[in-house]
Amino acid sequence: MPEGPEIRRMVDDIAGAIAHRNARQVFFAFDRFKGYESALAGRRVTGVYARGKTVLVFFAARGDDGPWCVYSHNQLYGKWRITAADAEPNTRRQLRFAVFTGDRAARLYSASDIRLLRPDALNALPYLAHLGPDPLNDDVDADDLAGRLQDSRFSGRSLGGLLLDQAFVAGIGNYLRSEILFEARIAPKSRPKDLTSDARNTLAEAVIRLIQRAYQTQGITNPPERARQLKADGASFGERRHMVFGRSGRNCYDCGREIIKTTVASRRLYYCPRCQTAGPY
């Protein structure tokens, strides 16, 4: 499943194709929305935004009919494709939702969680109501996250599981979890309440830094200087992408110790036992 940085980059592409343009045609695969295709056609797409791992497409009001929003969650199989309006992608996926402007089209395939609702009803949706702060899409800083680490809802939980909880911070998935903990030098089983104030601050800063870095570099979490050197040395994108994630059995870039793979919250996690010394394993 794409993580927050990938969703945000995808939303940037969707917005580039249809935002602030009139929707010449709107398509829904689901019968319950078919009657709205003509109601939305001709309206201006006022914006496309990410919230956590969802995509929100907003349509302007027209006459007495107020604005609308199409909410979608890709889940495991959803995929957006951006093309020229008259270019049909070559895919066996099922088209679920599409917006066509004069010359561009944004098509969503395979996703099953698609909803049409008024914008003021968004916060009542369980997924959105449950979301924590989103560093890529909200005004949130390291001080905010350090404060959340001391919140009784989160302070007693293992960080290996907590970082996947979208109610704590939105947009973190499996690769970011491993990379954030390594960047902060914190062991996976550590709990926020067991850390020093400095360690909590370091972790909060790592969350912001790694999410932003992954967004800016198309998923690369290695420091930019190292990533550039690895590329110059002939490393593939996958080989130069991460510090620890997916590198079990290989040497840590910083200390040379072998990277360990384990399972936390039913998902694979990678760490360096020498570098990540804060807290228990």
C-alpha atoms as a PDB file:
ATOM      1  CA  MET A   1       0.000   0.000   0.000  1.00  0.00           C
ATOM      2  CA  PRO A   2       1.403   3.446  -0.872  1.00  0.00           C
ATOM      3  CA  GLU A   3       2.485   5.547   2.097  1.00  0.00           C
ATOM      4  CA  GLY A   4       1.849   9.226   2.697  1.00  0.00           C
ATOM      5  CA  PRO A   5       4.639  10.571   0.443  1.00  0.00           C
ATOM      6  CA  GLU A   6       3.513   8.423  -2.490  1.00  0.00           C
ATOM      7  CA  ILE A   7      -0.124   9.445  -2.012  1.00  0.00           C
ATOM      8  CA  ARG A   8       0.872  13.125  -1.910  1.00  0.00           C
ATOM      9  CA  ARG A   9       2.944  12.837  -5.093  1.00  0.00           C
ATOM     10  CA  MET A  10       0.049  11.047  -6.771  1.00  0.00           C
ATOM     11  CA  VAL A  11      -2.304  13.835  -5.693  1.00  0.00           C
ATOM     12  CA  ASP A  12       0.109  16.390  -7.147  1.00  0.00           C
ATOM     13  CA  ASP A  13      -0.167  14.577 -10.491  1.00  0.00           C
ATOM     14  CA  ILE A  14      -3.965  14.353 -10.320  1.00  0.00           C
ATOM     15  CA  ALA A  15      -4.234  18.021  -9.425  1.00  0.00           C
ATOM     16  CA  GLY A  16      -1.937  18.931 -12.290  1.00  0.00           C
ATOM     17  CA  ALA A  17      -4.320  17.217 -14.699  1.00  0.00           C
ATOM     18  CA  ILE A  18      -7.764  18.299 -13.466  1.00  0.00           C
ATOM     19  CA  ALA A  19      -7.613  20.904 -10.672  1.00  0.00           C
ATOM     20  CA  HIS A  20      -8.960  24.395 -11.460  1.00  0.00           C
ATOM     21  CA  ARG A  21     -10.458  23.126 -14.720  1.00  0.00           C
ATOM     22  CA  ASN A  22     -13.997  22.341 -15.760  1.00  0.00           C
ATOM     23  CA  ALA A  23     -14.944  18.683 -15.717  1.00  0.00           C
ATOM     24  CA  ARG A  24     -16.177  17.914 -19.215  1.00  0.00           C
ATOM     25  CA  GLN A  25     -17.248  14.433 -18.126  1.00  0.00           C
ATOM     26  CA  VAL A  26     -17.389  12.475 -14.872  1.00  0.00           C
ATOM     27  CA  PHE A  27     -17.638   8.685 -14.707  1.00  0.00           C
ATOM     28  CA  PHE A  28     -18.654   6.399 -11.825  1.00  0.00           C
ATOM     29  CA  ALA A  29     -18.674   2.612 -12.054  1.00  0.00           C
ATOM     30  CA  PHE A  30     -21.096   2.230  -9.148  1.00  0.00           C
ATOM     31  CA  ASP A  31     -24.815   2.357  -9.876  1.00  0.00           C
ATOM     32  CA  ARG A  32     -25.532   4.384  -6.750  1.00  0.00           C
ATOM     33  CA  PHE A  33     -23.516   7.292  -8.183  1.00  0.00           C
ATOM     34  CA  LYS A  34     -24.547   7.084 -11.834  1.00  0.00           C
ATOM     35  CA  GLY A  35     -27.213   9.759 -11.392  1.00  0.00           C
ATOM     36  CA  TYR A  36     -24.556  12.238 -10.304  1.00  0.00           C
ATOM     37  CA  GLU A  37     -22.414  11.999 -13.434  1.00  0.00           C
ATOM     38  CA  SER A  38     -24.437  14.634 -15.290  1.00  0.00           C
ATOM     39  CA  ALA A  39     -24.801  16.734 -12.127  1.00  0.00           C
ATOM     40  CA  LEU A  40     -21.020  17.013 -11.772  1.00  0.00           C
ATOM     41  CA  ALA A  41     -20.178  17.344 -15.463  1.00  0.00           C
ATOM     42  CA  GLY A  42     -19.466  20.961 -16.337  1.00  0.00           C
ATOM     43  CA  ARG A  43     -18.499  21.932 -12.803  1.00  0.00           C
ATOM     44  CA  ARG A  44     -15.090  23.257 -11.916  1.00  0.00           C
ATOM     45  CA  VAL A  45     -12.732  20.979 -10.006  1.00  0.00           C
ATOM     46  CA  THR A  46     -11.778  23.347  -7.212  1.00  0.00           C
ATOM     47  CA  GLY A  47      -9.022  21.196  -5.758  1.00  0.00           C
ATOM     48  CA  VAL A  48      -7.504  17.772  -5.241  1.00  0.00           C
ATOM     49  CA  TYR A  49      -6.036  16.987  -1.828  1.00  0.00           C
ATOM     50  CA  ALA A  50      -4.610  14.132   0.223  1.00  0.00           C
ATOM     51  CA  ARG A  51      -5.632  13.355   3.769  1.00  0.00           C
ATOM     52  CA  GLY A  52      -3.673  10.435   5.138  1.00  0.00           C
ATOM     53  CA  LYS A  53      -3.944   7.780   2.449  1.00  0.00           C
ATOM     54  CA  THR A  54      -7.124   9.141   0.864  1.00  0.00           C
ATOM     55  CA  VAL A  55      -7.666  11.340  -2.181  1.00  0.00           C
ATOM     56  CA  LEU A  56     -10.309  14.073  -2.133  1.00  0.00           C
ATOM     57  CA  VAL A  57     -11.586  15.630  -5.377  1.00  0.00           C
ATOM     58  CA  PHE A  58     -13.718  18.755  -4.845  1.00  0.00           C
ATOM     59  CA  PHE A  59     -16.329  20.079  -7.279  1.00  0.00           C
ATOM     60  CA  ALA A  60     -17.738  23.615  -7.156  1.00  0.00           C
ATOM     61  CA  ALA A  61     -21.349  24.453  -6.378  1.00  0.00           C
ATOM     62  CA  ARG A  62     -23.686  25.097  -9.291  1.00  0.00           C
ATOM     63  CA  GLY A  63     -26.881  27.065  -8.943  1.00  0.00           C
ATOM     64  CA  ASP A  64     -28.781  25.956  -5.875  1.00  0.00           C
ATOM     65  CA  ASP A  65     -26.759  22.741  -5.597  1.00  0.00           C
ATOM     66  CA  GLY A  66     -23.813  23.121  -3.233  1.00  0.00           C
ATOM     67  CA  PRO A  67     -20.307  21.738  -3.662  1.00  0.00           C
ATOM     68  CA  TRP A  68     -19.470  18.038  -3.725  1.00  0.00           C
ATOM     69  CA  CYS A  69     -16.450  15.922  -2.850  1.00  0.00           C
ATOM     70  CA  VAL A  70     -15.433  12.507  -4.150  1.00  0.00           C
ATOM     71  CA  TYR A  71     -13.535  10.602  -1.452  1.00  0.00           C
ATOM     72  CA  SER A  72     -11.441   7.569  -2.400  1.00  0.00           C
ATOM     73  CA  HIS A  73      -9.069   5.263  -0.573  1.00  0.00           C
ATOM     74  CA  ASN A  74      -6.769   3.180  -2.768  1.00  0.00           C
ATOM     75  CA  GLN A  75      -6.417   0.419  -0.173  1.00  0.00           C
ATOM     76  CA  LEU A  76      -4.269  -2.402  -1.609  1.00  0.00           C
ATOM     77  CA  TYR A  77      -5.274  -2.373  -5.246  1.00  0.00           C
ATOM     78  CA  GLY A  78      -6.441   1.106  -6.245  1.00  0.00           C
ATOM     79  CA  LYS A  79      -4.370   2.935  -8.834  1.00  0.00           C
ATOM     80  CA  TRP A  80      -4.728   6.336 -10.496  1.00  0.00           C
ATOM     81  CA  ARG A  81      -3.669   6.887 -14.097  1.00  0.00           C
ATOM     82  CA  ILE A  82      -3.198  10.311 -15.653  1.00  0.00           C
ATOM     83  CA  THR A  83      -3.389  10.507 -19.454  1.00  0.00           C
ATOM     84  CA  ALA A  84      -4.551  12.626 -22.329  1.00  0.00           C
ATOM     85  CA  ALA A  85      -8.356  12.728 -22.272  1.00  0.00           C
ATOM     86  CA  ASP A  86      -8.696  10.541 -25.364  1.00  0.00           C
ATOM     87  CA  ALA A  87      -5.952   8.046 -24.438  1.00  0.00           C
ATOM     88  CA  GLU A  88      -7.339   4.905 -22.837  1.00  0.00           C
ATOM     89  CA  PRO A  89      -4.715   3.204 -20.629  1.00  0.00           C
ATOM     90  CA  ASN A  90      -3.832  -0.352 -21.560  1.00  0.00           C
ATOM     91  CA  THR A  91      -4.853  -2.177 -18.396  1.00  0.00           C
ATOM     92  CA  ARG A  92      -7.011  -5.050 -17.222  1.00  0.00           C
ATOM     93  CA  ARG A  93      -7.991  -3.151 -14.112  1.00  0.00           C
ATOM     94  CA  GLN A  94     -11.597  -2.070 -13.670  1.00  0.00           C
ATOM     95  CA  LEU A  95     -12.288   1.637 -13.987  1.00  0.00           C
ATOM     96  CA  ARG A  96     -14.086   2.957 -10.894  1.00  0.00           C
ATOM     97  CA  PHE A  97     -14.049   6.758 -11.196  1.00  0.00           C
ATOM     98  CA  ALA A  98     -12.788   9.256 -13.744  1.00  0.00           C
ATOM     99  CA  VAL A  99     -12.730  12.986 -14.406  1.00  0.00           C
ATOM    100  CA  PHE A 100     -12.175  14.286 -17.951  1.00  0.00           C
ATOM    101  CA  THR A 101     -11.259  17.897 -18.681  1.00  0.00           C
ATOM    102  CA  GLY A 102     -10.721  19.362 -22.123  1.00  0.00           C
ATOM    103  CA  ASP A 103      -7.420  17.621 -22.730  1.00  0.00           C
ATOM    104  CA  ARG A 104      -6.570  15.528 -19.659  1.00  0.00           C
ATOM    105  CA  ALA A 105      -8.102  12.678 -17.702  1.00  0.00           C
ATOM    106  CA  ALA A 106      -7.585  11.263 -14.221  1.00  0.00           C
ATOM    107  CA  ARG A 107      -8.820   7.687 -13.897  1.00  0.00           C
ATOM    108  CA  LEU A 108      -9.029   5.598 -10.732  1.00  0.00           C
ATOM    109  CA  TYR A 109      -8.875   1.837 -11.195  1.00  0.00           C
ATOM    110  CA  SER A 110      -9.651  -1.076  -8.853  1.00  0.00           C
ATOM    111  CA  ALA A 111     -10.411   0.966  -5.713  1.00  0.00           C
ATOM    112  CA  SER A 112     -13.542  -0.135  -3.870  1.00  0.00           C
ATOM    113  CA  ASP A 113     -13.873   2.607  -1.232  1.00  0.00           C
ATOM    114  CA  ILE A 114     -15.307   5.552  -3.182  1.00  0.00           C
ATOM    115  CA  ARG A 115     -17.861   7.953  -1.729  1.00  0.00           C
ATOM    116  CA  LEU A 116     -19.682  11.073  -2.876  1.00  0.00           C
ATOM    117  CA  LEU A 117     -20.581  13.557  -0.176  1.00  0.00           C
ATOM    118  CA  ARG A 118     -20.784  17.185   0.788  1.00  0.00           C
ATOM    119  CA  PRO A 119     -17.456  18.667   1.933  1.00  0.00           C
ATOM    120  CA  ASP A 120     -18.820  19.534   5.366  1.00  0.00           C
ATOM    121  CA  ALA A 121     -19.589  15.845   5.941  1.00  0.00           C
ATOM    122  CA  LEU A 122     -15.996  14.701   5.471  1.00  0.00           C
ATOM    123  CA  ASN A 123     -14.964  14.878   9.114  1.00  0.00           C
ATOM    124  CA  ALA A 124     -17.766  12.485  10.047  1.00  0.00           C
ATOM    125  CA  LEU A 125     -16.218   9.689   7.988  1.00  0.00           C
ATOM    126  CA  PRO A 126     -14.651   7.162  10.381  1.00  0.00           C
ATOM    127  CA  TYR A 127     -11.300   7.009   8.591  1.00  0.00           C
ATOM    128  CA  LEU A 128     -10.838  10.782   8.453  1.00  0.00           C
ATOM    129  CA  ALA A 129     -12.200  11.347  11.959  1.00  0.00           C
ATOM    130  CA  HIS A 130      -9.641   8.833  13.256  1.00  0.00           C
ATOM    131  CA  LEU A 131      -6.618  10.410  11.532  1.00  0.00           C
ATOM    132  CA  GLY A 132      -3.819  12.010  13.484  1.00  0.00           C
ATOM    133  CA  PRO A 133      -1.828  14.990  12.193  1.00  0.00           C
ATOM    134  CA  ASP A 134      -0.529  14.658   8.637  1.00  0.00           C
ATOM    135  CA  PRO A 135       2.957  16.196   8.251  1.00  0.00           C
ATOM    136  CA  LEU A 136       2.629  16.495   4.472  1.00  0.00           C
ATOM    137  CA  ASN A 137      -0.804  18.080   4.399  1.00  0.00           C
ATOM    138  CA  ASP A 138      -1.344  19.747   7.790  1.00  0.00           C
ATOM    139  CA  ASP A 139       0.421  22.507   9.685  1.00  0.00           C
ATOM    140  CA  VAL A 140       2.288  20.260  12.104  1.00  0.00           C
ATOM    141  CA  ASP A 141       5.829  20.434  13.461  1.00  0.00           C
ATOM    142  CA  ALA A 142       8.167  18.358  15.631  1.00  0.00           C
ATOM    143  CA  ASP A 143       6.982  20.049  18.832  1.00  0.00           C
ATOM    144  CA  ASP A 144       3.426  18.924  18.076  1.00  0.00           C
ATOM    145  CA  LEU A 145       4.548  15.329  17.582  1.00  0.00           C
ATOM    146  CA  ALA A 146       6.774  15.334  20.661  1.00  0.00           C
ATOM    147  CA  GLY A 147       3.720  16.376  22.653  1.00  0.00           C
ATOM    148  CA  ARG A 148       1.692  13.505  21.187  1.00  0.00           C
ATOM    149  CA  LEU A 149       4.377  11.048  22.284  1.00  0.00           C
ATOM    150  CA  GLN A 150       3.540  11.979  25.881  1.00  0.00           C
ATOM    151  CA  ASP A 151      -0.210  11.594  25.348  1.00  0.00           C
ATOM    152  CA  SER A 152      -1.583   8.720  27.461  1.00  0.00           C
ATOM    153  CA  ARG A 153      -3.148   7.182  24.341  1.00  0.00           C
ATOM    154  CA  PHE A 154       0.286   6.635  22.820  1.00  0.00           C
ATOM    155  CA  SER A 155       3.026   6.866  25.464  1.00  0.00           C
ATOM    156  CA  GLY A 156       2.787   3.261  26.678  1.00  0.00           C
ATOM    157  CA  ARG A 157       2.792   1.580  23.284  1.00  0.00           C
ATOM    158  CA  SER A 158       5.720  -0.006  21.470  1.00  0.00           C
ATOM    159  CA  LEU A 159       6.946   2.342  18.772  1.00  0.00           C
ATOM    160  CA  GLY A 160       7.196  -0.503  16.284  1.00  0.00           C
ATOM    161  CA  GLY A 161       3.414  -0.725  16.355  1.00  0.00           C
ATOM    162  CA  LEU A 162       2.553   2.870  17.223  1.00  0.00           C
ATOM    163  CA  LEU A 163       4.160   4.352  14.127  1.00  0.00           C
ATOM    164  CA  LEU A 164       1.747   2.373  11.928  1.00  0.00           C
ATOM    165  CA  ASP A 165      -1.282   3.747  13.775  1.00  0.00           C
ATOM    166  CA  GLN A 166      -2.800   6.442  11.582  1.00  0.00           C
ATOM    167  CA  ALA A 167      -4.426   7.968  14.675  1.00  0.00           C
ATOM    168  CA  PHE A 168      -0.953   8.850  15.949  1.00  0.00           C
ATOM    169  CA  VAL A 169       0.513  10.278  12.745  1.00  0.00           C
ATOM    170  CA  ALA A 170      -1.097   9.970   9.321  1.00  0.00           C
ATOM    171  CA  GLY A 171       0.840   8.683   6.339  1.00  0.00           C
ATOM    172  CA  ILE A 172       3.479   6.440   7.939  1.00  0.00           C
ATOM    173  CA  GLY A 173       3.619   2.908   6.559  1.00  0.00           C
ATOM    174  CA  ASN A 174       6.009   0.010   6.671  1.00  0.00           C
ATOM    175  CA  TYR A 175       9.151   1.396   5.055  1.00  0.00           C
ATOM    176  CA  LEU A 176       8.885   4.764   6.813  1.00  0.00           C
ATOM    177  CA  ARG A 177       8.475   3.076  10.188  1.00  0.00           C
ATOM    178  CA  SER A 178      11.819   1.274   9.917  1.00  0.00           C
ATOM    179  CA  GLU A 179      13.592   4.291   8.477  1.00  0.00           C
ATOM    180  CA  ILE A 180      12.266   6.722  11.102  1.00  0.00           C
ATOM    181  CA  LEU A 181      13.315   4.496  13.994  1.00  0.00           C
ATOM    182  CA  PHE A 182      16.775   4.078  12.498  1.00  0.00           C
ATOM    183  CA  GLU A 183      17.136   7.809  11.867  1.00  0.00           C
ATOM    184  CA  ALA A 184      16.212   8.466  15.508  1.00  0.00           C
ATOM    185  CA  ARG A 185      18.491   5.632  16.728  1.00  0.00           C
ATOM    186  CA  ILE A 186      15.613   4.064  18.692  1.00  0.00           C
ATOM    187  CA  ALA A 187      14.989   0.337  19.127  1.00  0.00           C
ATOM    188  CA  PRO A 188      11.669  -0.982  17.777  1.00  0.00           C
ATOM    189  CA  LYS A 189      10.180  -2.141  21.101  1.00  0.00           C
ATOM    190  CA  SER A 190      10.819   1.140  22.879  1.00  0.00           C
ATOM    191  CA  ARG A 191       7.848   2.986  24.326  1.00  0.00           C
ATOM    192  CA  PRO A 192       7.664   6.794  24.281  1.00  0.00           C
ATOM    193  CA  LYS A 193       7.347   6.921  28.064  1.00  0.00           C
ATOM    194  CA  ASP A 194      10.631   5.006  28.438  1.00  0.00           C
ATOM    195  CA  LEU A 195      12.566   7.556  26.363  1.00  0.00           C
ATOM    196  CA  THR A 196      14.279  10.689  27.538  1.00  0.00           C
ATOM    197  CA  SER A 197      12.851  14.048  26.507  1.00  0.00           C
ATOM    198  CA  ASP A 198      15.746  14.461  24.079  1.00  0.00           C
ATOM    199  CA  ALA A 199      15.037  11.057  22.493  1.00  0.00           C
ATOM    200  CA  ARG A 200      11.362  11.904  22.039  1.00  0.00           C
ATOM    201  CA  ASN A 201      12.297  15.175  20.395  1.00  0.00           C
ATOM    202  CA  THR A 202      14.758  13.377  18.137  1.00  0.00           C
ATOM    203  CA  LEU A 203      12.058  10.902  17.135  1.00  0.00           C
ATOM    204  CA  ALA A 204       9.552  13.665  16.391  1.00  0.00           C
ATOM    205  CA  GLU A 205      12.115  15.450  14.227  1.00  0.00           C
ATOM    206  CA  ALA A 206      12.884  12.175  12.418  1.00  0.00           C
ATOM    207  CA  VAL A 207       9.200  11.682  11.603  1.00  0.00           C
ATOM    208  CA  ILE A 208       8.974  15.118   9.969  1.00  0.00           C
ATOM    209  CA  ARG A 209      12.327  14.854   8.217  1.00  0.00           C
ATOM    210  CA  LEU A 210      11.864  11.352   6.755  1.00  0.00           C
ATOM    211  CA  ILE A 211       8.300  11.935   5.540  1.00  0.00           C
ATOM    212  CA  GLN A 212       9.370  15.171   3.846  1.00  0.00           C
ATOM    213  CA  ARG A 213      12.500  13.570   2.395  1.00  0.00           C
ATOM    214  CA  ALA A 214      10.555  10.627   0.961  1.00  0.00           C
ATOM    215  CA  TYR A 215       8.075  13.038  -0.633  1.00  0.00           C
ATOM    216  CA  GLN A 216      10.781  15.203  -2.177  1.00  0.00           C
ATOM    217  CA  THR A 217      12.895  12.280  -3.464  1.00  0.00           C
ATOM    218  CA  GLN A 218      10.203   9.888  -4.716  1.00  0.00           C
ATOM    219  CA  GLY A 219      10.605   7.498  -1.809  1.00  0.00           C
ATOM    220  CA  ILE A 220      14.348   7.663  -1.136  1.00  0.00           C
ATOM    221  CA  THR A 221      15.031   7.858   2.605  1.00  0.00           C
ATOM    222  CA  ASN A 222      18.811   7.596   2.491  1.00  0.00           C
ATOM    223  CA  PRO A 223      20.526  10.945   3.071  1.00  0.00           C
ATOM    224  CA  PRO A 224      20.790  12.753  -0.285  1.00  0.00           C
ATOM    225  CA  GLU A 225      24.592  12.705  -0.315  1.00  0.00           C
ATOM    226  CA  ARG A 226      24.694   8.932   0.201  1.00  0.00           C
ATOM    227  CA  ALA A 227      21.961   8.323  -2.369  1.00  0.00           C
ATOM    228  CA  ARG A 228      23.890  10.374  -4.949  1.00  0.00           C
ATOM    229  CA  GLN A 229      27.117   8.473  -4.253  1.00  0.00           C
ATOM    230  CA  LEU A 230      25.376   5.099  -4.485  1.00  0.00           C
ATOM    231  CA  LYS A 231      23.861   6.134  -7.803  1.00  0.00           C
ATOM    232  CA  ALA A 232      27.278   7.220  -9.060  1.00  0.00           C
ATOM    233  CA  ASP A 233      28.585   3.802  -7.995  1.00  0.00           C
ATOM    234  CA  GLY A 234      25.968   2.120 -10.169  1.00  0.00           C
ATOM    235  CA  ALA A 235      23.408   1.152  -7.510  1.00  0.00           C
ATOM    236  CA  SER A 236      19.853   0.656  -8.736  1.00  0.00           C
ATOM    237  CA  PHE A 237      16.988   2.730  -7.349  1.00  0.00           C
ATOM    238  CA  GLY A 238      16.014  -0.091  -4.997  1.00  0.00           C
ATOM    239  CA  GLU A 239      19.589  -0.553  -3.802  1.00  0.00           C
ATOM    240  CA  ARG A 240      20.130   3.114  -2.970  1.00  0.00           C
ATOM    241  CA  ARG A 241      16.652   3.839  -1.623  1.00  0.00           C
ATOM    242  CA  HIS A 242      16.705   2.982   2.106  1.00  0.00           C
ATOM    243  CA  MET A 243      19.005   3.000   5.126  1.00  0.00           C
ATOM    244  CA  VAL A 244      17.722  -0.242   6.688  1.00  0.00           C
ATOM    245  CA  PHE A 245      14.364  -1.236   5.163  1.00  0.00           C
ATOM    246  CA  GLY A 246      14.713  -4.275   2.915  1.00  0.00           C
ATOM    247  CA  ARG A 247      18.430  -4.625   3.756  1.00  0.00           C
ATOM    248  CA  SER A 248      18.446  -7.636   6.101  1.00  0.00           C
ATOM    249  CA  GLY A 249      21.811  -9.380   6.144  1.00  0.00           C
ATOM    250  CA  ARG A 250      23.592  -6.362   4.673  1.00  0.00           C
ATOM    251  CA  ASN A 251      25.934  -4.061   6.541  1.00  0.00           C
ATOM    252  CA  CYS A 252      24.667  -0.896   8.190  1.00  0.00           C
ATOM    253  CA  TYR A 253      25.940   2.141   6.311  1.00  0.00           C
ATOM    254  CA  ASP A 254      26.882   3.842   9.566  1.00  0.00           C
ATOM    255  CA  CYS A 255      28.488   1.142  11.719  1.00  0.00           C
ATOM    256  CA  GLY A 256      28.940  -1.937   9.525  1.00  0.00           C
ATOM    257  CA  ARG A 257      26.804  -4.214  11.716  1.00  0.00           C
ATOM    258  CA  GLU A 258      24.410  -6.606   9.987  1.00  0.00           C
ATOM    259  CA  ILE A 259      20.860  -5.274   9.538  1.00  0.00           C
ATOM    260  CA  ILE A 260      18.230  -7.439  11.264  1.00  0.00           C
ATOM    261  CA  LYS A 261      14.764  -8.270   9.968  1.00  0.00           C
ATOM    262  CA  THR A 262      11.969  -8.939  12.442  1.00  0.00           C
ATOM    263  CA  THR A 263       8.166  -8.826  12.551  1.00  0.00           C
ATOM    264  CA  VAL A 264       6.260  -6.205  14.525  1.00  0.00           C
ATOM    265  CA  ALA A 265       2.475  -5.718  14.257  1.00  0.00           C
ATOM    266  CA  SER A 266       2.412  -8.559  11.718  1.00  0.00           C
ATOM    267  CA  ARG A 267       4.631  -6.645   9.298  1.00  0.00           C
ATOM    268  CA  ARG A 268       8.332  -6.774   8.560  1.00  0.00           C
ATOM    269  CA  LEU A 269      10.612  -4.304  10.278  1.00  0.00           C
ATOM    270  CA  TYR A 270      14.346  -3.738   9.862  1.00  0.00           C
ATOM    271  CA  TYR A 271      16.835  -2.271  12.322  1.00  0.00           C
ATOM    272  CA  CYS A 272      20.494  -2.037  13.248  1.00  0.00           C
ATOM    273  CA  PRO A 273      21.172  -3.520  16.705  1.00  0.00           C
ATOM    274  CA  ARG A 274      24.280  -1.403  17.175  1.00  0.00           C
ATOM    275  CA  CYS A 275      23.002   1.999  16.058  1.00  0.00           C
ATOM    276  CA  GLN A 276      19.519   1.793  17.554  1.00  0.00           C
ATOM    277  CA  THR A 277      20.436   1.764  21.213  1.00  0.00           C
ATOM    278  CA  ALA A 278      17.656   3.872  22.757  1.00  0.00           C
ATOM    279  CA  GLY A 279      15.191   1.592  24.564  1.00  0.00           C
ATOM    280  CA  PRO A 280      14.715  -2.212  24.538  1.00  0.00           C
ATOM    281  CA  TYR A 281      14.516  -4.558  21.539  1.00  0.00           C
END
